[in-house]
């Protein structure tokens, strides 16, 4: 996945991160996980693989977008994810999906 594809898919990624080299590495490294990542509904009661991938990989950038962390902290979180993946790709992939994850996102009563 390219950075362009990443920011097109996840518009919550703040513009000031778009030209960061770490984002380019991030997009290429996590391509397979980003393709299935999906923002969970606000009324989800159980998350599926796509939701877990989103929360682990994209949510830190969304949190930064709300200015709930610093830019430096966000970039460091992205680099830490890259380092964890480089150290053990299989363990990283396994860690994205906790046991008991739903096969499909489950939403609470009254949610569509």
N, C-alpha and C. Protein backbone atom coordinates (compact mmCIF):
# COMPACT_ATOMS: atom_id res chain seq x y z
N UNK A 1 0.85 -1.17 0.00
CA UNK A 1 0.00 0.00 0.00
C UNK A 1 0.90 1.24 0.00
N UNK A 2 0.49 2.21 -0.75
CA UNK A 2 1.24 3.47 -0.79
C UNK A 2 0.66 4.43 0.26
N UNK A 3 1.38 5.49 0.54
CA UNK A 3 0.88 6.50 1.47
C UNK A 3 -0.40 7.11 0.91
N UNK A 4 -0.43 7.36 -0.39
CA UNK A 4 -1.63 7.92 -1.00
C UNK A 4 -2.83 7.01 -0.76
N UNK A 5 -2.67 5.71 -0.98
CA UNK A 5 -3.76 4.76 -0.75
C UNK A 5 -4.17 4.74 0.72
N UNK A 6 -3.18 4.82 1.59
CA UNK A 6 -3.44 4.82 3.03
C UNK A 6 -4.27 6.03 3.44
N UNK A 7 -3.85 7.21 3.03
CA UNK A 7 -4.58 8.41 3.46
C UNK A 7 -5.93 8.55 2.75
N UNK A 8 -6.04 7.95 1.58
CA UNK A 8 -7.34 7.94 0.89
C UNK A 8 -8.31 7.03 1.64
N UNK A 9 -7.81 5.92 2.12
CA UNK A 9 -8.66 4.95 2.85
C UNK A 9 -8.99 5.43 4.26
N UNK A 10 -8.03 6.08 4.90
CA UNK A 10 -8.21 6.52 6.29
C UNK A 10 -8.02 8.03 6.37
N UNK A 11 -9.07 8.74 6.14
CA UNK A 11 -9.02 10.20 6.07
C UNK A 11 -8.74 10.84 7.43
N UNK A 12 -8.81 10.06 8.49
CA UNK A 12 -8.52 10.59 9.83
C UNK A 12 -7.02 10.78 10.08
N UNK A 13 -6.19 10.33 9.14
CA UNK A 13 -4.74 10.55 9.29
C UNK A 13 -4.47 12.03 9.04
N UNK A 14 -3.93 12.72 10.03
CA UNK A 14 -3.71 14.17 9.90
C UNK A 14 -2.77 14.52 8.75
N UNK A 15 -3.06 15.59 8.04
CA UNK A 15 -2.26 16.01 6.88
C UNK A 15 -0.78 16.22 7.19
N UNK A 16 -0.45 16.67 8.40
CA UNK A 16 0.96 16.92 8.69
C UNK A 16 1.79 15.65 8.84
N UNK A 17 1.14 14.49 8.79
CA UNK A 17 1.87 13.21 8.82
C UNK A 17 2.09 12.64 7.41
N UNK A 18 1.37 13.14 6.44
CA UNK A 18 1.37 12.56 5.09
C UNK A 18 2.75 12.46 4.45
N UNK A 19 3.64 13.37 4.74
CA UNK A 19 4.96 13.36 4.09
C UNK A 19 6.04 12.72 4.96
N UNK A 20 5.67 12.15 6.06
CA UNK A 20 6.66 11.52 6.95
C UNK A 20 7.16 10.19 6.36
N UNK A 21 8.46 10.00 6.41
CA UNK A 21 9.03 8.76 5.88
C UNK A 21 8.54 7.54 6.65
N UNK A 22 8.28 7.69 7.94
CA UNK A 22 7.80 6.56 8.74
C UNK A 22 6.41 6.12 8.25
N UNK A 23 5.61 7.05 7.74
CA UNK A 23 4.29 6.68 7.22
C UNK A 23 4.42 5.87 5.94
N UNK A 24 5.41 6.19 5.13
CA UNK A 24 5.66 5.42 3.91
C UNK A 24 6.04 3.99 4.26
N UNK A 25 6.95 3.82 5.21
CA UNK A 25 7.34 2.48 5.66
C UNK A 25 6.16 1.75 6.29
N UNK A 26 5.38 2.48 7.06
CA UNK A 26 4.20 1.94 7.73
C UNK A 26 3.22 1.37 6.71
N UNK A 27 2.91 2.16 5.68
CA UNK A 27 1.96 1.73 4.65
C UNK A 27 2.44 0.48 3.92
N UNK A 28 3.71 0.45 3.58
CA UNK A 28 4.26 -0.70 2.86
C UNK A 28 4.34 -1.94 3.75
N UNK A 29 4.76 -1.76 4.98
CA UNK A 29 4.95 -2.89 5.90
C UNK A 29 3.63 -3.54 6.30
N UNK A 30 2.63 -2.72 6.58
CA UNK A 30 1.37 -3.25 7.12
C UNK A 30 0.27 -3.37 6.08
N UNK A 31 0.65 -3.38 4.83
CA UNK A 31 -0.29 -3.46 3.71
C UNK A 31 -1.40 -4.48 3.94
N UNK A 32 -1.05 -5.71 4.25
CA UNK A 32 -2.06 -6.77 4.37
C UNK A 32 -3.03 -6.49 5.51
N UNK A 33 -2.58 -5.88 6.58
CA UNK A 33 -3.44 -5.59 7.72
C UNK A 33 -4.29 -4.34 7.46
N UNK A 34 -3.72 -3.38 6.77
CA UNK A 34 -4.43 -2.13 6.48
C UNK A 34 -5.56 -2.36 5.47
N UNK A 35 -5.40 -3.33 4.61
CA UNK A 35 -6.44 -3.63 3.62
C UNK A 35 -7.70 -4.17 4.27
N UNK A 36 -7.58 -4.80 5.43
CA UNK A 36 -8.76 -5.33 6.13
C UNK A 36 -9.19 -4.45 7.29
N UNK A 37 -8.37 -3.49 7.66
CA UNK A 37 -8.68 -2.63 8.81
C UNK A 37 -9.97 -1.85 8.57
N UNK A 38 -10.78 -1.80 9.61
CA UNK A 38 -12.05 -1.11 9.51
C UNK A 38 -12.37 -0.48 10.86
N UNK A 39 -12.74 0.79 10.83
CA UNK A 39 -13.08 1.50 12.06
C UNK A 39 -14.32 0.87 12.68
N UNK A 40 -14.25 0.52 13.96
CA UNK A 40 -15.42 -0.08 14.60
C UNK A 40 -16.53 0.95 14.80
N UNK A 41 -17.72 0.46 14.80
CA UNK A 41 -18.88 1.30 15.08
C UNK A 41 -18.83 1.75 16.54
N UNK A 42 -19.39 2.90 16.81
CA UNK A 42 -19.43 3.41 18.19
C UNK A 42 -20.24 2.50 19.11
N UNK A 43 -21.12 1.70 18.54
CA UNK A 43 -21.95 0.84 19.39
C UNK A 43 -21.57 -0.64 19.28
N UNK A 44 -20.34 -0.91 18.86
CA UNK A 44 -19.87 -2.30 18.77
C UNK A 44 -19.77 -2.91 20.16
N UNK A 45 -20.18 -4.16 20.24
CA UNK A 45 -20.03 -4.90 21.50
C UNK A 45 -18.93 -5.96 21.39
N UNK A 46 -18.59 -6.34 20.16
CA UNK A 46 -17.48 -7.26 19.90
C UNK A 46 -16.80 -6.83 18.62
N UNK A 47 -15.47 -6.91 18.62
CA UNK A 47 -14.69 -6.48 17.46
C UNK A 47 -14.20 -7.67 16.66
N UNK A 48 -14.13 -7.47 15.34
CA UNK A 48 -13.59 -8.50 14.46
C UNK A 48 -12.14 -8.16 14.10
N UNK A 49 -11.54 -8.96 13.23
CA UNK A 49 -10.13 -8.78 12.87
C UNK A 49 -9.87 -7.39 12.28
N UNK A 50 -10.75 -6.92 11.42
CA UNK A 50 -10.59 -5.60 10.83
C UNK A 50 -10.63 -4.48 11.86
N UNK A 51 -11.51 -4.62 12.84
CA UNK A 51 -11.60 -3.62 13.91
C UNK A 51 -10.34 -3.60 14.75
N UNK A 52 -9.83 -4.78 15.09
CA UNK A 52 -8.60 -4.86 15.90
C UNK A 52 -7.41 -4.28 15.13
N UNK A 53 -7.33 -4.56 13.84
CA UNK A 53 -6.25 -3.99 13.03
C UNK A 53 -6.35 -2.47 13.01
N UNK A 54 -7.54 -1.96 12.87
CA UNK A 54 -7.73 -0.51 12.86
C UNK A 54 -7.28 0.10 14.19
N UNK A 55 -7.74 -0.48 15.27
CA UNK A 55 -7.43 0.10 16.59
C UNK A 55 -5.93 0.06 16.89
N UNK A 56 -5.25 -0.96 16.46
CA UNK A 56 -3.82 -1.07 16.71
C UNK A 56 -3.01 -0.17 15.77
N UNK A 57 -3.40 -0.11 14.51
CA UNK A 57 -2.57 0.57 13.51
C UNK A 57 -3.00 2.01 13.20
N UNK A 58 -4.27 2.26 13.09
CA UNK A 58 -4.74 3.58 12.65
C UNK A 58 -5.14 4.48 13.82
N UNK A 59 -5.70 3.91 14.86
CA UNK A 59 -6.19 4.72 15.98
C UNK A 59 -5.14 5.68 16.57
N UNK A 60 -3.85 5.28 16.68
CA UNK A 60 -2.89 6.26 17.21
C UNK A 60 -2.82 7.55 16.39
N UNK A 61 -3.00 7.45 15.09
CA UNK A 61 -2.97 8.66 14.26
C UNK A 61 -4.25 9.47 14.43
N UNK A 62 -5.37 8.78 14.65
CA UNK A 62 -6.62 9.48 14.93
C UNK A 62 -6.56 10.21 16.26
N UNK A 63 -5.94 9.58 17.24
CA UNK A 63 -5.78 10.21 18.56
C UNK A 63 -4.94 11.46 18.42
N UNK A 64 -3.88 11.38 17.64
CA UNK A 64 -3.06 12.56 17.39
C UNK A 64 -3.88 13.63 16.66
N UNK A 65 -4.71 13.21 15.73
CA UNK A 65 -5.56 14.15 14.99
C UNK A 65 -6.47 14.96 15.90
N UNK A 66 -6.87 14.35 17.01
CA UNK A 66 -7.68 15.06 18.02
C UNK A 66 -6.81 15.84 19.00
N UNK A 67 -5.50 15.79 18.78
CA UNK A 67 -4.51 16.48 19.63
C UNK A 67 -4.50 15.96 21.06
N UNK A 68 -4.73 14.66 21.19
CA UNK A 68 -4.69 14.02 22.51
C UNK A 68 -3.32 13.44 22.81
N UNK A 69 -2.42 13.57 21.87
CA UNK A 69 -1.01 13.22 22.08
C UNK A 69 -0.18 14.12 21.17
N UNK A 70 1.10 14.14 21.39
CA UNK A 70 1.96 15.00 20.57
C UNK A 70 2.30 14.32 19.25
N UNK A 71 2.72 15.11 18.31
CA UNK A 71 3.15 14.60 17.01
C UNK A 71 4.31 13.64 17.18
N UNK A 72 5.25 14.02 18.02
CA UNK A 72 6.42 13.17 18.28
C UNK A 72 6.01 11.83 18.88
N UNK A 73 5.06 11.86 19.80
CA UNK A 73 4.58 10.60 20.40
C UNK A 73 3.91 9.71 19.35
N UNK A 74 3.13 10.32 18.48
CA UNK A 74 2.46 9.57 17.42
C UNK A 74 3.49 8.92 16.49
N UNK A 75 4.46 9.70 16.05
CA UNK A 75 5.49 9.16 15.17
C UNK A 75 6.28 8.05 15.86
N UNK A 76 6.53 8.21 17.14
CA UNK A 76 7.24 7.17 17.90
C UNK A 76 6.39 5.90 17.99
N UNK A 77 5.08 6.05 18.16
CA UNK A 77 4.20 4.88 18.20
C UNK A 77 4.24 4.13 16.87
N UNK A 78 4.24 4.86 15.77
CA UNK A 78 4.32 4.22 14.45
C UNK A 78 5.64 3.48 14.30
N UNK A 79 6.74 4.11 14.73
CA UNK A 79 8.05 3.47 14.63
C UNK A 79 8.12 2.25 15.53
N UNK A 80 7.52 2.31 16.70
CA UNK A 80 7.50 1.15 17.61
C UNK A 80 6.76 -0.01 16.97
N UNK A 81 5.65 0.26 16.31
CA UNK A 81 4.92 -0.80 15.62
C UNK A 81 5.78 -1.42 14.52
N UNK A 82 6.48 -0.58 13.77
CA UNK A 82 7.39 -1.10 12.73
C UNK A 82 8.50 -1.94 13.34
N UNK A 83 9.07 -1.49 14.45
CA UNK A 83 10.14 -2.24 15.12
C UNK A 83 9.64 -3.58 15.64
N UNK A 84 8.44 -3.59 16.22
CA UNK A 84 7.87 -4.84 16.73
C UNK A 84 7.64 -5.83 15.60
N UNK A 85 7.15 -5.33 14.48
CA UNK A 85 6.92 -6.19 13.32
C UNK A 85 8.23 -6.74 12.78
N UNK A 86 9.24 -5.88 12.69
CA UNK A 86 10.54 -6.31 12.17
C UNK A 86 11.18 -7.36 13.07
N UNK A 87 11.00 -7.24 14.36
CA UNK A 87 11.60 -8.19 15.30
C UNK A 87 10.98 -9.58 15.18
N UNK A 88 9.67 -9.65 14.96
CA UNK A 88 8.99 -10.94 14.87
C UNK A 88 7.65 -10.77 14.15
N UNK A 89 7.66 -10.84 12.82
CA UNK A 89 6.42 -10.61 12.06
C UNK A 89 5.27 -11.55 12.44
N UNK A 90 5.58 -12.80 12.71
CA UNK A 90 4.52 -13.76 13.06
C UNK A 90 3.88 -13.40 14.40
N UNK A 91 4.70 -13.06 15.37
CA UNK A 91 4.17 -12.69 16.68
C UNK A 91 3.37 -11.38 16.59
N UNK A 92 3.85 -10.46 15.78
CA UNK A 92 3.12 -9.21 15.60
C UNK A 92 1.74 -9.49 15.02
N UNK A 93 1.68 -10.30 13.97
CA UNK A 93 0.40 -10.63 13.33
C UNK A 93 -0.53 -11.33 14.31
N UNK A 94 0.01 -12.24 15.09
CA UNK A 94 -0.81 -12.96 16.07
C UNK A 94 -1.33 -12.01 17.14
N UNK A 95 -0.54 -11.02 17.49
CA UNK A 95 -0.94 -10.06 18.52
C UNK A 95 -2.02 -9.09 18.07
N UNK A 96 -2.23 -8.96 16.78
CA UNK A 96 -3.28 -8.08 16.29
C UNK A 96 -4.67 -8.62 16.57
N UNK A 97 -4.78 -9.92 16.65
CA UNK A 97 -6.09 -10.55 16.82
C UNK A 97 -6.12 -11.33 18.13
N UNK A 98 -6.66 -10.71 19.17
CA UNK A 98 -6.73 -11.42 20.45
C UNK A 98 -7.70 -12.61 20.40
N UNK A 99 -7.49 -13.54 21.29
CA UNK A 99 -8.41 -14.68 21.35
C UNK A 99 -9.79 -14.17 21.72
N UNK A 100 -10.79 -14.78 21.18
CA UNK A 100 -12.15 -14.37 21.46
C UNK A 100 -12.67 -13.27 20.54
N UNK A 101 -11.88 -12.90 19.54
CA UNK A 101 -12.35 -11.89 18.59
C UNK A 101 -13.52 -12.46 17.79
N UNK A 102 -14.46 -11.61 17.50
CA UNK A 102 -15.64 -12.03 16.74
C UNK A 102 -15.28 -12.30 15.28
N UNK A 103 -15.99 -13.21 14.66
CA UNK A 103 -15.79 -13.47 13.23
C UNK A 103 -16.26 -12.27 12.42
N UNK A 104 -17.27 -11.58 12.94
CA UNK A 104 -17.81 -10.38 12.31
C UNK A 104 -18.16 -9.41 13.43
N UNK A 105 -17.95 -8.12 13.20
CA UNK A 105 -18.25 -7.11 14.21
C UNK A 105 -19.70 -7.25 14.70
N UNK A 106 -19.85 -7.22 16.01
CA UNK A 106 -21.17 -7.33 16.63
C UNK A 106 -21.56 -5.98 17.19
N UNK A 107 -22.72 -5.50 16.79
CA UNK A 107 -23.20 -4.19 17.26
C UNK A 107 -24.31 -4.40 18.28
N UNK A 108 -24.43 -3.47 19.18
CA UNK A 108 -25.43 -3.55 20.24
C UNK A 108 -26.83 -3.35 19.72
N UNK A 109 -27.81 -3.56 20.60
CA UNK A 109 -29.21 -3.40 20.22
C UNK A 109 -29.50 -1.98 19.72
N UNK A 110 -30.28 -1.89 18.67
CA UNK A 110 -30.67 -0.60 18.13
C UNK A 110 -29.67 0.01 17.17
N UNK A 111 -28.57 -0.66 16.94
CA UNK A 111 -27.56 -0.14 16.01
C UNK A 111 -27.73 -0.81 14.65
N UNK A 112 -27.42 -0.05 13.62
CA UNK A 112 -27.54 -0.65 12.28
C UNK A 112 -26.18 -0.80 11.66
